[in-house]
Protein backbone atom coordinates (compact mmCIF):
# COMPACT_ATOMS: atom_id res chain seq x y z
CA MET A 1 -16.45 -5.65 -25.69
CA GLY A 2 -16.21 -2.01 -26.61
CA ARG A 3 -17.82 -1.55 -30.00
CA GLY A 4 -19.94 1.30 -28.66
CA ALA A 5 -16.87 2.97 -27.19
CA LEU A 6 -15.05 2.71 -30.52
CA VAL A 7 -17.98 4.18 -32.43
CA PHE A 8 -18.60 6.97 -29.93
CA GLY A 9 -14.95 7.85 -29.58
CA GLY A 10 -14.23 7.61 -33.27
CA VAL A 11 -17.26 9.25 -34.83
CA VAL A 12 -18.74 11.64 -32.28
CA LEU A 13 -15.53 13.06 -30.88
CA THR A 14 -13.93 13.43 -34.31
CA ALA A 15 -17.03 15.17 -35.69
CA ALA A 16 -17.11 17.50 -32.69
CA SER A 17 -13.46 18.31 -33.24
CA VAL A 18 -13.84 19.02 -36.97
CA PHE A 19 -17.16 20.86 -36.91
CA VAL A 20 -17.11 22.62 -33.51
CA VAL A 21 -13.61 23.01 -32.09
CA ASP A 22 -11.70 23.67 -35.31
CA PRO A 23 -14.05 26.45 -36.54
CA LEU A 24 -13.74 28.12 -33.14
CA ARG A 25 -9.97 28.13 -33.77
CA ASP A 26 -10.55 29.52 -37.32
CA ILE A 27 -9.70 26.21 -39.00
CA TRP A 28 -12.46 25.46 -41.50
CA PRO A 29 -13.09 22.04 -43.09
CA SER A 30 -11.94 22.25 -46.71
CA GLY A 31 -10.03 20.28 -49.29
CA ASN A 32 -8.96 16.71 -48.66
CA MET A 33 -10.08 16.05 -45.09
CA LEU A 34 -9.57 12.28 -45.24
CA PRO A 35 -6.10 12.15 -43.62
CA HIS A 36 -7.22 14.51 -40.85
CA LEU A 37 -10.44 12.55 -40.27
CA ALA A 38 -8.71 9.15 -40.37
CA LEU A 39 -6.08 10.17 -37.83
CA GLY A 40 -8.71 11.80 -35.61
CA PHE A 41 -10.99 8.77 -35.83
CA ALA A 42 -8.23 6.30 -34.98
CA SER A 43 -6.76 8.27 -32.10
CA ASN A 44 -10.12 9.15 -30.55
CA ALA A 45 -11.44 5.59 -30.91
CA MET A 46 -8.37 4.06 -29.27
CA TRP A 47 -8.37 6.66 -26.49
CA ASP A 48 -12.04 5.97 -25.70
CA TRP A 49 -11.55 2.20 -25.89
CA GLY A 50 -8.58 2.42 -23.51
CA ALA A 51 -10.66 4.48 -21.08
CA LEU A 52 -13.36 1.80 -21.21
CA VAL A 53 -10.85 -0.98 -20.51
CA PHE A 54 -9.45 0.83 -17.47
CA LEU A 55 -12.92 1.77 -16.24
CA ARG A 56 -14.05 -1.85 -16.39
CA ALA A 57 -10.82 -3.10 -14.80
CA PHE A 58 -11.02 -0.74 -11.83
CA THR A 59 -14.75 -1.17 -11.22
CA ALA A 60 -14.95 -4.94 -11.72
CA GLY A 61 -15.00 -5.92 -8.05
CA SER A 62 -16.96 -2.97 -6.67
CA GLU A 63 -20.48 -4.24 -7.34
CA ALA A 64 -22.60 -4.26 -4.16
CA ASP A 65 -25.08 -7.07 -3.60
């Protein structure tokens, strides 16, 4: 149902956070990034999947013929 949402939320938003937002805050990627990336991937993927579920639930009956 939401494989694209999981991939977009997990990969794209986590990469944007690590490589764009964090350097703007003077936090540079270094050392063991796996725990930071895993937590970011999981939280962003679930957040995006939840948004997709609610979007589909609230727009299910609004299709015009």
